[in-house]
């Protein structure tokens, strides 16, 4: 499990059960478990499909280059040459 994971799969099931059974609001559940209500919403959405597992991050900005490519982030390449496209620099000052 990831080191910054705040809720374990068992806790995720509890959150879903509390929401389903008693209709507790997302905000109250977030306060109880010390997470944002958006996290609770994601747990409920995935929980309705029976998925209480911890998902890995797909934010490719912080992944090593080898994992970033496998995660779906492709480098910008021109189709003809296969080389990276040059990035234009814009001057802040113009004369």
PDB file of N, CA and C in Angstrom:
ATOM      1  N   UNK A   1       0.848  -1.169   0.000  1.00  0.00           N
ATOM      2  CA  UNK A   1       0.000   0.000   0.000  1.00  0.00           C
ATOM      3  C   UNK A   1       0.901   1.241   0.000  1.00  0.00           C
ATOM      4  N   UNK A   2       0.445   2.294  -0.614  1.00  0.00           N
ATOM      5  CA  UNK A   2       1.205   3.528  -0.726  1.00  0.00           C
ATOM      6  C   UNK A   2       1.389   4.165   0.647  1.00  0.00           C
ATOM      7  N   UNK A   3       2.500   4.830   0.868  1.00  0.00           N
ATOM      8  CA  UNK A   3       2.799   5.401   2.181  1.00  0.00           C
ATOM      9  C   UNK A   3       1.878   6.546   2.567  1.00  0.00           C
ATOM     10  N   UNK A   4       1.304   7.243   1.601  1.00  0.00           N
ATOM     11  CA  UNK A   4       0.431   8.369   1.927  1.00  0.00           C
ATOM     12  C   UNK A   4      -1.057   8.004   1.893  1.00  0.00           C
ATOM     13  N   UNK A   5      -1.352   6.709   1.800  1.00  0.00           N
ATOM     14  CA  UNK A   5      -2.743   6.268   1.796  1.00  0.00           C
ATOM     15  C   UNK A   5      -3.351   6.529   3.161  1.00  0.00           C
ATOM     16  N   UNK A   6      -4.462   7.238   3.178  1.00  0.00           N
ATOM     17  CA  UNK A   6      -5.092   7.587   4.448  1.00  0.00           C
ATOM     18  C   UNK A   6      -6.144   6.577   4.878  1.00  0.00           C
ATOM     19  N   UNK A   7      -6.766   5.906   3.922  1.00  0.00           N
ATOM     20  CA  UNK A   7      -7.814   4.947   4.246  1.00  0.00           C
ATOM     21  C   UNK A   7      -7.475   3.579   3.668  1.00  0.00           C
ATOM     22  N   UNK A   8      -7.504   2.575   4.525  1.00  0.00           N
ATOM     23  CA  UNK A   8      -7.241   1.209   4.088  1.00  0.00           C
ATOM     24  C   UNK A   8      -8.496   0.656   3.416  1.00  0.00           C
ATOM     25  N   UNK A   9      -8.371  -0.465   2.711  1.00  0.00           N
ATOM     26  CA  UNK A   9      -9.557  -1.059   2.094  1.00  0.00           C
ATOM     27  C   UNK A   9     -10.666  -1.390   3.104  1.00  0.00           C
ATOM     28  N   UNK A  10     -10.302  -1.790   4.307  1.00  0.00           N
ATOM     29  CA  UNK A  10     -11.302  -2.079   5.336  1.00  0.00           C
ATOM     30  C   UNK A  10     -12.042  -0.798   5.724  1.00  0.00           C
ATOM     31  N   UNK A  11     -11.311   0.294   5.868  1.00  0.00           N
ATOM     32  CA  UNK A  11     -11.928   1.580   6.203  1.00  0.00           C
ATOM     33  C   UNK A  11     -12.820   2.063   5.063  1.00  0.00           C
ATOM     34  N   UNK A  12     -12.427   1.790   3.830  1.00  0.00           N
ATOM     35  CA  UNK A  12     -13.223   2.188   2.675  1.00  0.00           C
ATOM     36  C   UNK A  12     -14.568   1.468   2.669  1.00  0.00           C
ATOM     37  N   UNK A  13     -14.541   0.190   3.038  1.00  0.00           N
ATOM     38  CA  UNK A  13     -15.796  -0.557   3.134  1.00  0.00           C
ATOM     39  C   UNK A  13     -16.685   0.026   4.223  1.00  0.00           C
ATOM     40  N   UNK A  14     -16.082   0.417   5.343  1.00  0.00           N
ATOM     41  CA  UNK A  14     -16.852   1.032   6.435  1.00  0.00           C
ATOM     42  C   UNK A  14     -17.504   2.335   5.967  1.00  0.00           C
ATOM     43  N   UNK A  15     -16.748   3.153   5.253  1.00  0.00           N
ATOM     44  CA  UNK A  15     -17.274   4.419   4.748  1.00  0.00           C
ATOM     45  C   UNK A  15     -18.468   4.153   3.845  1.00  0.00           C
ATOM     46  N   UNK A  16     -18.318   3.212   2.939  1.00  0.00           N
ATOM     47  CA  UNK A  16     -19.411   2.907   2.008  1.00  0.00           C
ATOM     48  C   UNK A  16     -20.630   2.383   2.751  1.00  0.00           C
ATOM     49  N   UNK A  17     -20.413   1.493   3.743  1.00  0.00           N
ATOM     50  CA  UNK A  17     -21.536   0.945   4.511  1.00  0.00           C
ATOM     51  C   UNK A  17     -22.258   2.034   5.291  1.00  0.00           C
ATOM     52  N   UNK A  18     -21.494   2.937   5.923  1.00  0.00           N
ATOM     53  CA  UNK A  18     -22.113   4.029   6.689  1.00  0.00           C
ATOM     54  C   UNK A  18     -22.930   4.940   5.780  1.00  0.00           C
ATOM     55  N   UNK A  19     -22.379   5.236   4.630  1.00  0.00           N
ATOM     56  CA  UNK A  19     -23.098   6.102   3.700  1.00  0.00           C
ATOM     57  C   UNK A  19     -24.361   5.418   3.179  1.00  0.00           C
ATOM     58  N   UNK A  20     -24.260   4.144   2.827  1.00  0.00           N
ATOM     59  CA  UNK A  20     -25.378   3.407   2.254  1.00  0.00           C
ATOM     60  C   UNK A  20     -26.468   3.151   3.290  1.00  0.00           C
ATOM     61  N   UNK A  21     -26.051   2.760   4.500  1.00  0.00           N
ATOM     62  CA  UNK A  21     -27.020   2.359   5.517  1.00  0.00           C
ATOM     63  C   UNK A  21     -27.715   3.552   6.162  1.00  0.00           C
ATOM     64  N   UNK A  22     -26.928   4.515   6.635  1.00  0.00           N
ATOM     65  CA  UNK A  22     -27.526   5.604   7.411  1.00  0.00           C
ATOM     66  C   UNK A  22     -27.667   6.903   6.626  1.00  0.00           C
ATOM     67  N   UNK A  23     -27.106   6.955   5.440  1.00  0.00           N
ATOM     68  CA  UNK A  23     -27.224   8.175   4.643  1.00  0.00           C
ATOM     69  C   UNK A  23     -26.412   9.331   5.203  1.00  0.00           C
ATOM     70  N   UNK A  24     -25.326   9.039   5.905  1.00  0.00           N
ATOM     71  CA  UNK A  24     -24.458  10.074   6.461  1.00  0.00           C
ATOM     72  C   UNK A  24     -23.887  10.911   5.327  1.00  0.00           C
ATOM     73  N   UNK A  25     -23.804  12.218   5.541  1.00  0.00           N
ATOM     74  CA  UNK A  25     -23.329  13.107   4.479  1.00  0.00           C
ATOM     75  C   UNK A  25     -21.842  12.901   4.216  1.00  0.00           C
ATOM     76  N   UNK A  26     -21.431  13.270   3.013  1.00  0.00           N
ATOM     77  CA  UNK A  26     -20.027  13.139   2.638  1.00  0.00           C
ATOM     78  C   UNK A  26     -19.140  13.987   3.536  1.00  0.00           C
ATOM     79  N   UNK A  27     -19.614  15.166   3.864  1.00  0.00           N
ATOM     80  CA  UNK A  27     -18.842  16.076   4.696  1.00  0.00           C
ATOM     81  C   UNK A  27     -18.615  15.488   6.094  1.00  0.00           C
ATOM     82  N   UNK A  28     -19.663  14.878   6.674  1.00  0.00           N
ATOM     83  CA  UNK A  28     -19.526  14.272   7.997  1.00  0.00           C
ATOM     84  C   UNK A  28     -18.584  13.070   7.967  1.00  0.00           C
ATOM     85  N   UNK A  29     -18.695  12.270   6.922  1.00  0.00           N
ATOM     86  CA  UNK A  29     -17.777  11.135   6.783  1.00  0.00           C
ATOM     87  C   UNK A  29     -16.340  11.618   6.600  1.00  0.00           C
ATOM     88  N   UNK A  30     -16.159  12.679   5.834  1.00  0.00           N
ATOM     89  CA  UNK A  30     -14.825  13.243   5.646  1.00  0.00           C
ATOM     90  C   UNK A  30     -14.225  13.735   6.952  1.00  0.00           C
ATOM     91  N   UNK A  31     -15.041  14.381   7.764  1.00  0.00           N
ATOM     92  CA  UNK A  31     -14.554  14.845   9.072  1.00  0.00           C
ATOM     93  C   UNK A  31     -14.181  13.667   9.969  1.00  0.00           C
ATOM     94  N   UNK A  32     -15.014  12.641   9.938  1.00  0.00           N
ATOM     95  CA  UNK A  32     -14.774  11.478  10.793  1.00  0.00           C
ATOM     96  C   UNK A  32     -13.475  10.757  10.425  1.00  0.00           C
ATOM     97  N   UNK A  33     -13.204  10.651   9.140  1.00  0.00           N
ATOM     98  CA  UNK A  33     -12.024   9.921   8.674  1.00  0.00           C
ATOM     99  C   UNK A  33     -10.849  10.842   8.322  1.00  0.00           C
ATOM    100  N   UNK A  34     -11.003  12.131   8.547  1.00  0.00           N
ATOM    101  CA  UNK A  34      -9.937  13.124   8.330  1.00  0.00           C
ATOM    102  C   UNK A  34      -9.451  13.171   6.884  1.00  0.00           C
ATOM    103  N   UNK A  35     -10.396  13.123   5.956  1.00  0.00           N
ATOM    104  CA  UNK A  35     -10.083  13.275   4.535  1.00  0.00           C
ATOM    105  C   UNK A  35     -11.087  14.247   3.920  1.00  0.00           C
ATOM    106  N   UNK A  36     -10.812  14.670   2.708  1.00  0.00           N
ATOM    107  CA  UNK A  36     -11.683  15.599   2.007  1.00  0.00           C
ATOM    108  C   UNK A  36     -12.935  14.879   1.505  1.00  0.00           C
ATOM    109  N   UNK A  37     -14.010  15.617   1.336  1.00  0.00           N
ATOM    110  CA  UNK A  37     -15.257  15.000   0.872  1.00  0.00           C
ATOM    111  C   UNK A  37     -15.129  14.461  -0.547  1.00  0.00           C
ATOM    112  N   UNK A  38     -14.198  14.985  -1.329  1.00  0.00           N
ATOM    113  CA  UNK A  38     -13.969  14.462  -2.677  1.00  0.00           C
ATOM    114  C   UNK A  38     -13.408  13.039  -2.623  1.00  0.00           C
ATOM    115  N   UNK A  39     -12.587  12.771  -1.610  1.00  0.00           N
ATOM    116  CA  UNK A  39     -12.053  11.423  -1.426  1.00  0.00           C
ATOM    117  C   UNK A  39     -13.194  10.473  -1.081  1.00  0.00           C
ATOM    118  N   UNK A  40     -14.087  10.916  -0.214  1.00  0.00           N
ATOM    119  CA  UNK A  40     -15.241  10.106   0.169  1.00  0.00           C
ATOM    120  C   UNK A  40     -16.126   9.838  -1.049  1.00  0.00           C
ATOM    121  N   UNK A  41     -16.332  10.854  -1.880  1.00  0.00           N
ATOM    122  CA  UNK A  41     -17.138  10.683  -3.093  1.00  0.00           C
ATOM    123  C   UNK A  41     -16.520   9.637  -4.010  1.00  0.00           C
ATOM    124  N   UNK A  42     -15.209   9.668  -4.157  1.00  0.00           N
ATOM    125  CA  UNK A  42     -14.527   8.688  -5.003  1.00  0.00           C
ATOM    126  C   UNK A  42     -14.673   7.278  -4.431  1.00  0.00           C
ATOM    127  N   UNK A  43     -14.594   7.162  -3.099  1.00  0.00           N
ATOM    128  CA  UNK A  43     -14.753   5.860  -2.455  1.00  0.00           C
ATOM    129  C   UNK A  43     -16.159   5.323  -2.693  1.00  0.00           C
ATOM    130  N   UNK A  44     -17.159   6.177  -2.582  1.00  0.00           N
ATOM    131  CA  UNK A  44     -18.542   5.754  -2.781  1.00  0.00           C
ATOM    132  C   UNK A  44     -18.785   5.358  -4.237  1.00  0.00           C
ATOM    133  N   UNK A  45     -18.227   6.120  -5.163  1.00  0.00           N
ATOM    134  CA  UNK A  45     -18.393   5.804  -6.584  1.00  0.00           C
ATOM    135  C   UNK A  45     -17.770   4.451  -6.915  1.00  0.00           C
ATOM    136  N   UNK A  46     -16.560   4.229  -6.433  1.00  0.00           N
ATOM    137  CA  UNK A  46     -15.899   2.952  -6.691  1.00  0.00           C
ATOM    138  C   UNK A  46     -16.529   1.831  -5.879  1.00  0.00           C
ATOM    139  N   UNK A  47     -17.007   2.163  -4.684  1.00  0.00           N
ATOM    140  CA  UNK A  47     -17.633   1.162  -3.831  1.00  0.00           C
ATOM    141  C   UNK A  47     -18.915   0.610  -4.406  1.00  0.00           C
ATOM    142  N   UNK A  48     -19.637   1.429  -5.158  1.00  0.00           N
ATOM    143  CA  UNK A  48     -20.872   0.936  -5.778  1.00  0.00           C
ATOM    144  C   UNK A  48     -20.580  -0.147  -6.809  1.00  0.00           C
ATOM    145  N   UNK A  49     -19.361  -0.166  -7.325  1.00  0.00           N
ATOM    146  CA  UNK A  49     -18.938  -1.208  -8.256  1.00  0.00           C
ATOM    147  C   UNK A  49     -18.220  -2.347  -7.533  1.00  0.00           C
ATOM    148  N   UNK A  50     -18.105  -2.234  -6.196  1.00  0.00           N
ATOM    149  CA  UNK A  50     -17.454  -3.275  -5.406  1.00  0.00           C
ATOM    150  C   UNK A  50     -15.949  -3.153  -5.349  1.00  0.00           C
ATOM    151  N   UNK A  51     -15.401  -2.002  -5.712  1.00  0.00           N
ATOM    152  CA  UNK A  51     -13.953  -1.794  -5.726  1.00  0.00           C
ATOM    153  C   UNK A  51     -13.541  -0.966  -4.511  1.00  0.00           C
ATOM    154  N   UNK A  52     -12.910  -1.631  -3.538  1.00  0.00           N
ATOM    155  CA  UNK A  52     -12.439  -0.934  -2.345  1.00  0.00           C
ATOM    156  C   UNK A  52     -10.920  -0.940  -2.256  1.00  0.00           C
ATOM    157  N   UNK A  53     -10.254  -1.303  -3.333  1.00  0.00           N
ATOM    158  CA  UNK A  53      -8.799  -1.373  -3.325  1.00  0.00           C
ATOM    159  C   UNK A  53      -8.185   0.018  -3.400  1.00  0.00           C
ATOM    160  N   UNK A  54      -6.900   0.079  -3.077  1.00  0.00           N
ATOM    161  CA  UNK A  54      -6.155   1.332  -3.152  1.00  0.00           C
ATOM    162  C   UNK A  54      -5.554   1.413  -4.540  1.00  0.00           C
ATOM    163  N   UNK A  55      -5.851   2.482  -5.255  1.00  0.00           N
ATOM    164  CA  UNK A  55      -5.355   2.652  -6.619  1.00  0.00           C
ATOM    165  C   UNK A  55      -4.039   3.402  -6.609  1.00  0.00           C
ATOM    166  N   UNK A  56      -3.171   3.064  -7.547  1.00  0.00           N
ATOM    167  CA  UNK A  56      -1.896   3.748  -7.652  1.00  0.00           C
ATOM    168  C   UNK A  56      -2.072   5.066  -8.383  1.00  0.00           C
ATOM    169  N   UNK A  57      -1.151   5.950  -8.176  1.00  0.00           N
ATOM    170  CA  UNK A  57      -1.212   7.256  -8.816  1.00  0.00           C
ATOM    171  C   UNK A  57      -0.849   7.125 -10.288  1.00  0.00           C
ATOM    172  N   UNK A  58      -1.538   7.885 -11.126  1.00  0.00           N
ATOM    173  CA  UNK A  58      -1.201   7.915 -12.541  1.00  0.00           C
ATOM    174  C   UNK A  58      -0.705   9.304 -12.932  1.00  0.00           C
ATOM    175  N   UNK A  59      -0.326  10.090 -11.940  1.00  0.00           N
ATOM    176  CA  UNK A  59       0.202  11.413 -12.218  1.00  0.00           C
ATOM    177  C   UNK A  59       1.622  11.243 -12.733  1.00  0.00           C
ATOM    178  N   UNK A  60       1.790  11.352 -14.023  1.00  0.00           N
ATOM    179  CA  UNK A  60       3.064  11.035 -14.653  1.00  0.00           C
ATOM    180  C   UNK A  60       4.130  12.100 -14.439  1.00  0.00           C
ATOM    181  N   UNK A  61       3.758  13.246 -13.913  1.00  0.00           N
ATOM    182  CA  UNK A  61       4.771  14.273 -13.677  1.00  0.00           C
ATOM    183  C   UNK A  61       5.784  13.825 -12.635  1.00  0.00           C
ATOM    184  N   UNK A  62       5.375  12.961 -11.711  1.00  0.00           N
ATOM    185  CA  UNK A  62       6.243  12.570 -10.617  1.00  0.00           C
ATOM    186  C   UNK A  62       6.757  11.150 -10.742  1.00  0.00           C
ATOM    187  N   UNK A  63       6.426  10.475 -11.823  1.00  0.00           N
ATOM    188  CA  UNK A  63       6.909   9.128 -12.038  1.00  0.00           C
ATOM    189  C   UNK A  63       8.237   9.160 -12.777  1.00  0.00           C
ATOM    190  N   UNK A  64       9.091   8.152 -12.578  1.00  0.00           N
ATOM    191  CA  UNK A  64      10.305   8.069 -13.387  1.00  0.00           C
ATOM    192  C   UNK A  64       9.933   7.927 -14.860  1.00  0.00           C
ATOM    193  N   UNK A  65      10.842   8.289 -15.742  1.00  0.00           N
ATOM    194  CA  UNK A  65      10.534   8.305 -17.165  1.00  0.00           C
ATOM    195  C   UNK A  65      10.091   6.942 -17.687  1.00  0.00           C
ATOM    196  N   UNK A  66      10.663   5.862 -17.190  1.00  0.00           N
ATOM    197  CA  UNK A  66      10.289   4.536 -17.684  1.00  0.00           C
ATOM    198  C   UNK A  66       8.854   4.214 -17.310  1.00  0.00           C
ATOM    199  N   UNK A  67       8.415   4.577 -16.113  1.00  0.00           N
ATOM    200  CA  UNK A  67       7.037   4.313 -15.699  1.00  0.00           C
ATOM    201  C   UNK A  67       6.077   5.294 -16.354  1.00  0.00           C
ATOM    202  N   UNK A  68       6.544   6.507 -16.638  1.00  0.00           N
ATOM    203  CA  UNK A  68       5.677   7.502 -17.255  1.00  0.00           C
ATOM    204  C   UNK A  68       5.244   7.052 -18.648  1.00  0.00           C
ATOM    205  N   UNK A  69       6.163   6.452 -19.384  1.00  0.00           N
ATOM    206  CA  UNK A  69       5.821   5.981 -20.725  1.00  0.00           C
ATOM    207  C   UNK A  69       4.819   4.841 -20.656  1.00  0.00           C
ATOM    208  N   UNK A  70       5.009   3.953 -19.693  1.00  0.00           N
ATOM    209  CA  UNK A  70       4.086   2.824 -19.586  1.00  0.00           C
ATOM    210  C   UNK A  70       2.735   3.257 -19.032  1.00  0.00           C
ATOM    211  N   UNK A  71       2.678   4.403 -18.350  1.00  0.00           N
ATOM    212  CA  UNK A  71       1.410   4.895 -17.799  1.00  0.00           C
ATOM    213  C   UNK A  71       0.582   5.631 -18.837  1.00  0.00           C
ATOM    214  N   UNK A  72       1.113   5.795 -20.036  1.00  0.00           N
ATOM    215  CA  UNK A  72       0.309   6.386 -21.090  1.00  0.00           C
ATOM    216  C   UNK A  72       0.744   7.774 -21.506  1.00  0.00           C
ATOM    217  N   UNK A  73       1.789   8.313 -20.910  1.00  0.00           N
ATOM    218  CA  UNK A  73       2.239   9.645 -21.302  1.00  0.00           C
ATOM    219  C   UNK A  73       3.273   9.486 -22.405  1.00  0.00           C
ATOM    220  N   UNK A  74       2.930   9.915 -23.573  1.00  0.00           N
ATOM    221  CA  UNK A  74       3.846   9.819 -24.707  1.00  0.00           C
ATOM    222  C   UNK A  74       4.521  11.161 -24.921  1.00  0.00           C
ATOM    223  N   UNK A  75       5.756  11.113 -25.346  1.00  0.00           N
ATOM    224  CA  UNK A  75       6.483  12.348 -25.650  1.00  0.00           C
ATOM    225  C   UNK A  75       5.928  12.947 -26.931  1.00  0.00           C
ATOM    226  N   UNK A  76       5.946  14.278 -27.006  1.00  0.00           N
ATOM    227  CA  UNK A  76       5.468  14.939 -28.225  1.00  0.00           C
ATOM    228  C   UNK A  76       6.462  14.676 -29.337  1.00  0.00           C
ATOM    229  N   UNK A  77       6.037  13.992 -30.364  1.00  0.00           N
ATOM    230  CA  UNK A  77       6.926  13.700 -31.489  1.00  0.00           C
ATOM    231  C   UNK A  77       6.233  14.058 -32.783  1.00  0.00           C
ATOM    232  N   UNK A  78       7.048  14.457 -33.736  1.00  0.00           N
ATOM    233  CA  UNK A  78       6.482  14.712 -35.056  1.00  0.00           C
ATOM    234  C   UNK A  78       6.377  13.370 -35.777  1.00  0.00           C
ATOM    235  N   UNK A  79       5.322  13.130 -36.520  1.00  0.00           N
ATOM    236  CA  UNK A  79       5.155  11.823 -37.156  1.00  0.00           C
ATOM    237  C   UNK A  79       6.182  11.543 -38.240  1.00  0.00           C
ATOM    238  N   UNK A  80       6.672  12.564 -38.923  1.00  0.00           N
ATOM    239  CA  UNK A  80       7.590  12.329 -40.039  1.00  0.00           C
ATOM    240  C   UNK A  80       8.980  11.927 -39.559  1.00  0.00           C
ATOM    241  N   UNK A  81       9.527  12.639 -38.579  1.00  0.00           N
ATOM    242  CA  UNK A  81      10.907  12.391 -38.181  1.00  0.00           C
ATOM    243  C   UNK A  81      11.033  11.546 -36.933  1.00  0.00           C
ATOM    244  N   UNK A  82      10.027  11.550 -36.088  1.00  0.00           N
ATOM    245  CA  UNK A  82      10.126  10.803 -34.840  1.00  0.00           C
ATOM    246  C   UNK A  82      10.892  11.557 -33.777  1.00  0.00           C
ATOM    247  N   UNK A  83      11.304  12.786 -34.085  1.00  0.00           N
ATOM    248  CA  UNK A  83      12.049  13.585 -33.117  1.00  0.00           C
ATOM    249  C   UNK A  83      11.086  14.454 -32.320  1.00  0.00           C
ATOM    250  N   UNK A  84      11.578  14.898 -31.204  1.00  0.00           N
ATOM    251  CA  UNK A  84      10.756  15.783 -30.375  1.00  0.00           C
ATOM    252  C   UNK A  84      10.572  17.115 -31.087  1.00  0.00           C
ATOM    253  N   UNK A  85       9.414  17.696 -30.945  1.00  0.00           N
ATOM    254  CA  UNK A  85       9.161  18.987 -31.562  1.00  0.00           C
ATOM    255  C   UNK A  85       9.820  20.073 -30.724  1.00  0.00           C
ATOM    256  N   UNK A  86      10.443  21.037 -31.352  1.00  0.00           N
ATOM    257  CA  UNK A  86      11.093  22.100 -30.590  1.00  0.00           C
ATOM    258  C   UNK A  86      10.061  22.998 -29.919  1.00  0.00           C
ATOM    259  N   UNK A  87      10.407  23.469 -28.758  1.00  0.00           N
ATOM    260  CA  UNK A  87       9.534  24.373 -28.031  1.00  0.00           C
ATOM    261  C   UNK A  87      10.008  25.785 -28.284  1.00  0.00           C
ATOM    262  N   UNK A  88       9.114  26.651 -28.723  1.00  0.00           N
ATOM    263  CA  UNK A  88       9.484  28.031 -29.006  1.00  0.00           C
ATOM    264  C   UNK A  88       9.592  28.817 -27.720  1.00  0.00           C
ATOM    265  N   UNK A  89      10.612  29.605 -27.641  1.00  0.00           N
ATOM    266  CA  UNK A  89      10.771  30.501 -26.498  1.00  0.00           C
ATOM    267  C   UNK A  89      10.175  31.868 -26.855  1.00  0.00           C
ATOM    268  N   UNK A  90       9.426  32.399 -25.962  1.00  0.00           N
ATOM    269  CA  UNK A  90       8.804  33.695 -26.182  1.00  0.00           C
ATOM    270  C   UNK A  90       9.528  34.706 -25.322  1.00  0.00           C
ATOM    271  N   UNK A  91       9.999  35.767 -25.966  1.00  0.00           N
ATOM    272  CA  UNK A  91      10.699  36.810 -25.212  1.00  0.00           C
ATOM    273  C   UNK A  91       9.689  37.641 -24.440  1.00  0.00           C
ATOM    274  N   UNK A  92      10.026  37.921 -23.195  1.00  0.00           N
ATOM    275  CA  UNK A  92       9.139  38.730 -22.364  1.00  0.00           C
ATOM    276  C   UNK A  92       9.200  40.195 -22.795  1.00  0.00           C
ATOM    277  N   UNK A  93      10.381  40.635 -23.204  1.00  0.00           N
ATOM    278  CA  UNK A  93      10.535  42.033 -23.634  1.00  0.00           C
ATOM    279  C   UNK A  93      10.664  42.065 -25.138  1.00  0.00           C
ATOM    280  N   UNK A  94       9.968  42.987 -25.724  1.00  0.00           N
ATOM    281  CA  UNK A  94      10.120  43.205 -27.172  1.00  0.00           C
ATOM    282  C   UNK A  94      10.509  44.643 -27.386  1.00  0.00           C
ATOM    283  N   UNK A  95      11.394  44.863 -28.347  1.00  0.00           N
ATOM    284  CA  UNK A  95      11.863  46.231 -28.607  1.00  0.00           C
ATOM    285  C   UNK A  95      10.920  46.976 -29.482  1.00  0.00           C
TER     286      UNK A  95
END
